[in-house]
């Protein structure tokens, strides 16, 4: 996935900045993040995360989705 054109800016990036955070619930949130690649190109992504409620990863935050904003 990271080697595809839409996401390869993440590999070796030099800078990232959180643009906004939306709390959906106690265990879910989304963030918009801008990433600057090694060659100066920039891309904005929306990350969706959730805190696991049971199992071996209980209380750990996991990435549910990453989508590039156009």
PDB file of N, CA and C in Angstrom:
ATOM      1  N   UNK A   1       0.819  -1.184   0.000  1.00  0.00           N
ATOM      2  CA  UNK A   1       0.000   0.000   0.000  1.00  0.00           C
ATOM      3  C   UNK A   1       0.873   1.262   0.000  1.00  0.00           C
ATOM      4  N   UNK A   2       1.896   1.309   0.837  1.00  0.00           N
ATOM      5  CA  UNK A   2       2.710   2.515   0.951  1.00  0.00           C
ATOM      6  C   UNK A   2       3.525   2.807  -0.296  1.00  0.00           C
ATOM      7  N   UNK A   3       3.750   1.821  -1.129  1.00  0.00           N
ATOM      8  CA  UNK A   3       4.531   2.042  -2.337  1.00  0.00           C
ATOM      9  C   UNK A   3       3.691   2.600  -3.480  1.00  0.00           C
ATOM     10  N   UNK A   4       2.360   2.611  -3.319  1.00  0.00           N
ATOM     11  CA  UNK A   4       1.491   3.175  -4.344  1.00  0.00           C
ATOM     12  C   UNK A   4       1.612   4.689  -4.390  1.00  0.00           C
ATOM     13  N   UNK A   5       1.247   5.293  -5.499  1.00  0.00           N
ATOM     14  CA  UNK A   5       1.404   6.736  -5.693  1.00  0.00           C
ATOM     15  C   UNK A   5       0.675   7.561  -4.641  1.00  0.00           C
ATOM     16  N   UNK A   6      -0.476   7.108  -4.207  1.00  0.00           N
ATOM     17  CA  UNK A   6      -1.274   7.900  -3.266  1.00  0.00           C
ATOM     18  C   UNK A   6      -0.641   7.982  -1.879  1.00  0.00           C
ATOM     19  N   UNK A   7       0.155   6.994  -1.503  1.00  0.00           N
ATOM     20  CA  UNK A   7       0.656   6.907  -0.133  1.00  0.00           C
ATOM     21  C   UNK A   7       2.180   6.945  -0.015  1.00  0.00           C
ATOM     22  N   UNK A   8       2.916   6.929  -1.121  1.00  0.00           N
ATOM     23  CA  UNK A   8       4.376   6.811  -1.026  1.00  0.00           C
ATOM     24  C   UNK A   8       5.055   8.034  -0.412  1.00  0.00           C
ATOM     25  N   UNK A   9       4.350   9.158  -0.286  1.00  0.00           N
ATOM     26  CA  UNK A   9       4.913  10.334   0.375  1.00  0.00           C
ATOM     27  C   UNK A   9       5.229  10.046   1.846  1.00  0.00           C
ATOM     28  N   UNK A  10       4.589   9.023   2.407  1.00  0.00           N
ATOM     29  CA  UNK A  10       4.821   8.673   3.818  1.00  0.00           C
ATOM     30  C   UNK A  10       6.201   8.049   4.041  1.00  0.00           C
ATOM     31  N   UNK A  11       6.723   7.383   3.025  1.00  0.00           N
ATOM     32  CA  UNK A  11       8.012   6.705   3.174  1.00  0.00           C
ATOM     33  C   UNK A  11       9.131   7.748   3.187  1.00  0.00           C
ATOM     34  N   UNK A  12       9.874   7.798   4.257  1.00  0.00           N
ATOM     35  CA  UNK A  12      10.986   8.727   4.379  1.00  0.00           C
ATOM     36  C   UNK A  12      10.565  10.184   4.505  1.00  0.00           C
ATOM     37  N   UNK A  13       9.325  10.431   4.941  1.00  0.00           N
ATOM     38  CA  UNK A  13       8.869  11.820   5.038  1.00  0.00           C
ATOM     39  C   UNK A  13       9.705  12.603   6.048  1.00  0.00           C
ATOM     40  N   UNK A  14       9.762  13.917   5.858  1.00  0.00           N
ATOM     41  CA  UNK A  14      10.604  14.767   6.698  1.00  0.00           C
ATOM     42  C   UNK A  14       9.809  15.553   7.733  1.00  0.00           C
ATOM     43  N   UNK A  15       8.492  15.648   7.536  1.00  0.00           N
ATOM     44  CA  UNK A  15       7.694  16.449   8.456  1.00  0.00           C
ATOM     45  C   UNK A  15       6.242  16.005   8.400  1.00  0.00           C
ATOM     46  N   UNK A  16       5.563  16.072   9.552  1.00  0.00           N
ATOM     47  CA  UNK A  16       4.122  15.845   9.595  1.00  0.00           C
ATOM     48  C   UNK A  16       3.512  16.821  10.587  1.00  0.00           C
ATOM     49  N   UNK A  17       2.260  17.185  10.330  1.00  0.00           N
ATOM     50  CA  UNK A  17       1.571  18.143  11.193  1.00  0.00           C
ATOM     51  C   UNK A  17       0.098  17.762  11.290  1.00  0.00           C
ATOM     52  N   UNK A  18      -0.426  17.731  12.515  1.00  0.00           N
ATOM     53  CA  UNK A  18      -1.848  17.469  12.733  1.00  0.00           C
ATOM     54  C   UNK A  18      -2.609  18.748  12.422  1.00  0.00           C
ATOM     55  N   UNK A  19      -3.550  18.669  11.481  1.00  0.00           N
ATOM     56  CA  UNK A  19      -4.360  19.827  11.112  1.00  0.00           C
ATOM     57  C   UNK A  19      -5.618  19.929  11.956  1.00  0.00           C
ATOM     58  N   UNK A  20      -6.218  18.774  12.277  1.00  0.00           N
ATOM     59  CA  UNK A  20      -7.436  18.769  13.085  1.00  0.00           C
ATOM     60  C   UNK A  20      -7.648  17.392  13.690  1.00  0.00           C
ATOM     61  N   UNK A  21      -8.379  17.387  14.797  1.00  0.00           N
ATOM     62  CA  UNK A  21      -8.741  16.143  15.473  1.00  0.00           C
ATOM     63  C   UNK A  21     -10.231  16.182  15.770  1.00  0.00           C
ATOM     64  N   UNK A  22     -10.928  15.103  15.446  1.00  0.00           N
ATOM     65  CA  UNK A  22     -12.349  14.978  15.746  1.00  0.00           C
ATOM     66  C   UNK A  22     -12.527  13.769  16.647  1.00  0.00           C
ATOM     67  N   UNK A  23     -13.044  13.997  17.852  1.00  0.00           N
ATOM     68  CA  UNK A  23     -13.342  12.894  18.763  1.00  0.00           C
ATOM     69  C   UNK A  23     -14.743  12.398  18.448  1.00  0.00           C
ATOM     70  N   UNK A  24     -14.842  11.149  18.038  1.00  0.00           N
ATOM     71  CA  UNK A  24     -16.126  10.552  17.696  1.00  0.00           C
ATOM     72  C   UNK A  24     -16.767   9.959  18.943  1.00  0.00           C
ATOM     73  N   UNK A  25     -15.958   9.298  19.745  1.00  0.00           N
ATOM     74  CA  UNK A  25     -16.400   8.725  21.018  1.00  0.00           C
ATOM     75  C   UNK A  25     -15.161   8.556  21.891  1.00  0.00           C
ATOM     76  N   UNK A  26     -15.359   8.022  23.080  1.00  0.00           N
ATOM     77  CA  UNK A  26     -14.237   7.804  23.998  1.00  0.00           C
ATOM     78  C   UNK A  26     -13.168   6.902  23.391  1.00  0.00           C
ATOM     79  N   UNK A  27     -13.586   6.011  22.495  1.00  0.00           N
ATOM     80  CA  UNK A  27     -12.673   5.024  21.922  1.00  0.00           C
ATOM     81  C   UNK A  27     -12.441   5.181  20.420  1.00  0.00           C
ATOM     82  N   UNK A  28     -12.878   6.311  19.838  1.00  0.00           N
ATOM     83  CA  UNK A  28     -12.690   6.517  18.394  1.00  0.00           C
ATOM     84  C   UNK A  28     -12.417   7.986  18.107  1.00  0.00           C
ATOM     85  N   UNK A  29     -11.467   8.231  17.201  1.00  0.00           N
ATOM     86  CA  UNK A  29     -11.245   9.599  16.741  1.00  0.00           C
ATOM     87  C   UNK A  29     -10.647   9.593  15.348  1.00  0.00           C
ATOM     88  N   UNK A  30     -10.678  10.763  14.724  1.00  0.00           N
ATOM     89  CA  UNK A  30     -10.095  10.949  13.400  1.00  0.00           C
ATOM     90  C   UNK A  30      -9.170  12.153  13.443  1.00  0.00           C
ATOM     91  N   UNK A  31      -8.121  12.101  12.634  1.00  0.00           N
ATOM     92  CA  UNK A  31      -7.208  13.227  12.502  1.00  0.00           C
ATOM     93  C   UNK A  31      -6.916  13.477  11.035  1.00  0.00           C
ATOM     94  N   UNK A  32      -6.804  14.774  10.685  1.00  0.00           N
ATOM     95  CA  UNK A  32      -6.299  15.161   9.370  1.00  0.00           C
ATOM     96  C   UNK A  32      -4.857  15.575   9.575  1.00  0.00           C
ATOM     97  N   UNK A  33      -3.975  14.993   8.780  1.00  0.00           N
ATOM     98  CA  UNK A  33      -2.540  15.204   8.930  1.00  0.00           C
ATOM     99  C   UNK A  33      -1.945  15.546   7.570  1.00  0.00           C
ATOM    100  N   UNK A  34      -1.085  16.560   7.535  1.00  0.00           N
ATOM    101  CA  UNK A  34      -0.353  16.877   6.314  1.00  0.00           C
ATOM    102  C   UNK A  34       1.063  16.332   6.484  1.00  0.00           C
ATOM    103  N   UNK A  35       1.540  15.675   5.444  1.00  0.00           N
ATOM    104  CA  UNK A  35       2.867  15.063   5.452  1.00  0.00           C
ATOM    105  C   UNK A  35       3.693  15.684   4.334  1.00  0.00           C
ATOM    106  N   UNK A  36       4.928  16.053   4.670  1.00  0.00           N
ATOM    107  CA  UNK A  36       5.859  16.575   3.672  1.00  0.00           C
ATOM    108  C   UNK A  36       6.881  15.501   3.353  1.00  0.00           C
ATOM    109  N   UNK A  37       6.935  15.117   2.091  1.00  0.00           N
ATOM    110  CA  UNK A  37       7.849  14.073   1.658  1.00  0.00           C
ATOM    111  C   UNK A  37       9.282  14.559   1.558  1.00  0.00           C
ATOM    112  N   UNK A  38      10.184  13.635   1.343  1.00  0.00           N
ATOM    113  CA  UNK A  38      11.615  13.932   1.263  1.00  0.00           C
ATOM    114  C   UNK A  38      11.950  14.885   0.116  1.00  0.00           C
ATOM    115  N   UNK A  39      11.118  14.910  -0.925  1.00  0.00           N
ATOM    116  CA  UNK A  39      11.374  15.790  -2.069  1.00  0.00           C
ATOM    117  C   UNK A  39      10.599  17.103  -1.978  1.00  0.00           C
ATOM    118  N   UNK A  40       9.923  17.342  -0.839  1.00  0.00           N
ATOM    119  CA  UNK A  40       9.177  18.581  -0.645  1.00  0.00           C
ATOM    120  C   UNK A  40       7.717  18.512  -1.032  1.00  0.00           C
ATOM    121  N   UNK A  41       7.287  17.395  -1.618  1.00  0.00           N
ATOM    122  CA  UNK A  41       5.881  17.255  -1.967  1.00  0.00           C
ATOM    123  C   UNK A  41       5.058  17.057  -0.694  1.00  0.00           C
ATOM    124  N   UNK A  42       3.811  17.558  -0.708  1.00  0.00           N
ATOM    125  CA  UNK A  42       2.946  17.466   0.464  1.00  0.00           C
ATOM    126  C   UNK A  42       1.658  16.743   0.114  1.00  0.00           C
ATOM    127  N   UNK A  43       1.106  16.039   1.099  1.00  0.00           N
ATOM    128  CA  UNK A  43      -0.169  15.356   0.935  1.00  0.00           C
ATOM    129  C   UNK A  43      -0.888  15.364   2.275  1.00  0.00           C
ATOM    130  N   UNK A  44      -2.213  15.430   2.212  1.00  0.00           N
ATOM    131  CA  UNK A  44      -3.039  15.427   3.415  1.00  0.00           C
ATOM    132  C   UNK A  44      -3.793  14.108   3.493  1.00  0.00           C
ATOM    133  N   UNK A  45      -3.837  13.549   4.702  1.00  0.00           N
ATOM    134  CA  UNK A  45      -4.482  12.262   4.934  1.00  0.00           C
ATOM    135  C   UNK A  45      -5.449  12.367   6.102  1.00  0.00           C
ATOM    136  N   UNK A  46      -6.490  11.554   6.045  1.00  0.00           N
ATOM    137  CA  UNK A  46      -7.407  11.415   7.174  1.00  0.00           C
ATOM    138  C   UNK A  46      -7.180  10.039   7.788  1.00  0.00           C
ATOM    139  N   UNK A  47      -6.845  10.019   9.069  1.00  0.00           N
ATOM    140  CA  UNK A  47      -6.600   8.784   9.807  1.00  0.00           C
ATOM    141  C   UNK A  47      -7.779   8.522  10.732  1.00  0.00           C
ATOM    142  N   UNK A  48      -8.273   7.299  10.759  1.00  0.00           N
ATOM    143  CA  UNK A  48      -9.323   6.879  11.688  1.00  0.00           C
ATOM    144  C   UNK A  48      -8.727   5.844  12.628  1.00  0.00           C
ATOM    145  N   UNK A  49      -8.875   6.078  13.930  1.00  0.00           N
ATOM    146  CA  UNK A  49      -8.303   5.189  14.945  1.00  0.00           C
ATOM    147  C   UNK A  49      -9.356   4.786  15.965  1.00  0.00           C
ATOM    148  N   UNK A  50      -9.155   3.611  16.556  1.00  0.00           N
ATOM    149  CA  UNK A  50     -10.037   3.158  17.632  1.00  0.00           C
ATOM    150  C   UNK A  50      -9.221   2.436  18.694  1.00  0.00           C
ATOM    151  N   UNK A  51      -9.673   2.587  19.940  1.00  0.00           N
ATOM    152  CA  UNK A  51      -9.025   1.892  21.053  1.00  0.00           C
ATOM    153  C   UNK A  51      -9.720   0.544  21.216  1.00  0.00           C
ATOM    154  N   UNK A  52      -8.921  -0.514  21.220  1.00  0.00           N
ATOM    155  CA  UNK A  52      -9.452  -1.866  21.312  1.00  0.00           C
ATOM    156  C   UNK A  52     -10.028  -2.108  22.708  1.00  0.00           C
ATOM    157  N   UNK A  53     -11.192  -2.727  22.761  1.00  0.00           N
ATOM    158  CA  UNK A  53     -11.898  -2.911  24.025  1.00  0.00           C
ATOM    159  C   UNK A  53     -11.706  -4.291  24.636  1.00  0.00           C
ATOM    160  N   UNK A  54     -11.152  -5.221  23.872  1.00  0.00           N
ATOM    161  CA  UNK A  54     -10.946  -6.574  24.405  1.00  0.00           C
ATOM    162  C   UNK A  54      -9.853  -7.277  23.613  1.00  0.00           C
ATOM    163  N   UNK A  55      -9.492  -8.452  24.053  1.00  0.00           N
ATOM    164  CA  UNK A  55      -8.497  -9.251  23.344  1.00  0.00           C
ATOM    165  C   UNK A  55      -7.074  -8.877  23.702  1.00  0.00           C
ATOM    166  N   UNK A  56      -6.119  -9.406  22.940  1.00  0.00           N
ATOM    167  CA  UNK A  56      -4.701  -9.203  23.276  1.00  0.00           C
ATOM    168  C   UNK A  56      -4.240  -7.748  23.133  1.00  0.00           C
ATOM    169  N   UNK A  57      -4.992  -6.939  22.413  1.00  0.00           N
ATOM    170  CA  UNK A  57      -4.614  -5.535  22.228  1.00  0.00           C
ATOM    171  C   UNK A  57      -5.546  -4.586  22.981  1.00  0.00           C
ATOM    172  N   UNK A  58      -6.182  -5.086  24.023  1.00  0.00           N
ATOM    173  CA  UNK A  58      -7.091  -4.272  24.827  1.00  0.00           C
ATOM    174  C   UNK A  58      -6.389  -2.985  25.275  1.00  0.00           C
ATOM    175  N   UNK A  59      -7.070  -1.868  25.132  1.00  0.00           N
ATOM    176  CA  UNK A  59      -6.612  -0.517  25.495  1.00  0.00           C
ATOM    177  C   UNK A  59      -5.580   0.069  24.526  1.00  0.00           C
ATOM    178  N   UNK A  60      -5.218  -0.659  23.476  1.00  0.00           N
ATOM    179  CA  UNK A  60      -4.270  -0.137  22.482  1.00  0.00           C
ATOM    180  C   UNK A  60      -5.036   0.587  21.370  1.00  0.00           C
ATOM    181  N   UNK A  61      -4.457   1.678  20.877  1.00  0.00           N
ATOM    182  CA  UNK A  61      -5.031   2.384  19.738  1.00  0.00           C
ATOM    183  C   UNK A  61      -4.562   1.714  18.447  1.00  0.00           C
ATOM    184  N   UNK A  62      -5.511   1.468  17.542  1.00  0.00           N
ATOM    185  CA  UNK A  62      -5.216   0.824  16.265  1.00  0.00           C
ATOM    186  C   UNK A  62      -5.740   1.688  15.121  1.00  0.00           C
ATOM    187  N   UNK A  63      -5.026   1.681  14.022  1.00  0.00           N
ATOM    188  CA  UNK A  63      -5.451   2.396  12.822  1.00  0.00           C
ATOM    189  C   UNK A  63      -6.504   1.564  12.105  1.00  0.00           C
ATOM    190  N   UNK A  64      -7.680   2.161  11.888  1.00  0.00           N
ATOM    191  CA  UNK A  64      -8.763   1.486  11.168  1.00  0.00           C
ATOM    192  C   UNK A  64      -8.743   1.825   9.680  1.00  0.00           C
ATOM    193  N   UNK A  65      -8.347   3.053   9.360  1.00  0.00           N
ATOM    194  CA  UNK A  65      -8.339   3.471   7.954  1.00  0.00           C
ATOM    195  C   UNK A  65      -7.430   4.681   7.779  1.00  0.00           C
ATOM    196  N   UNK A  66      -6.847   4.776   6.591  1.00  0.00           N
ATOM    197  CA  UNK A  66      -6.079   5.955   6.177  1.00  0.00           C
ATOM    198  C   UNK A  66      -6.546   6.287   4.770  1.00  0.00           C
ATOM    199  N   UNK A  67      -6.978   7.535   4.589  1.00  0.00           N
ATOM    200  CA  UNK A  67      -7.487   7.949   3.282  1.00  0.00           C
ATOM    201  C   UNK A  67      -6.807   9.256   2.891  1.00  0.00           C
ATOM    202  N   UNK A  68      -6.321   9.305   1.675  1.00  0.00           N
ATOM    203  CA  UNK A  68      -5.690  10.547   1.193  1.00  0.00           C
ATOM    204  C   UNK A  68      -6.774  11.534   0.773  1.00  0.00           C
ATOM    205  N   UNK A  69      -6.675  12.761   1.263  1.00  0.00           N
ATOM    206  CA  UNK A  69      -7.581  13.831   0.846  1.00  0.00           C
ATOM    207  C   UNK A  69      -7.074  14.397  -0.469  1.00  0.00           C
ATOM    208  N   UNK A  70      -7.958  14.676  -1.343  1.00  0.00           N
ATOM    209  CA  UNK A  70      -7.578  15.256  -2.648  1.00  0.00           C
ATOM    210  C   UNK A  70      -7.685  16.751  -2.604  1.00  0.00           C
TER     211      UNK A  70
END
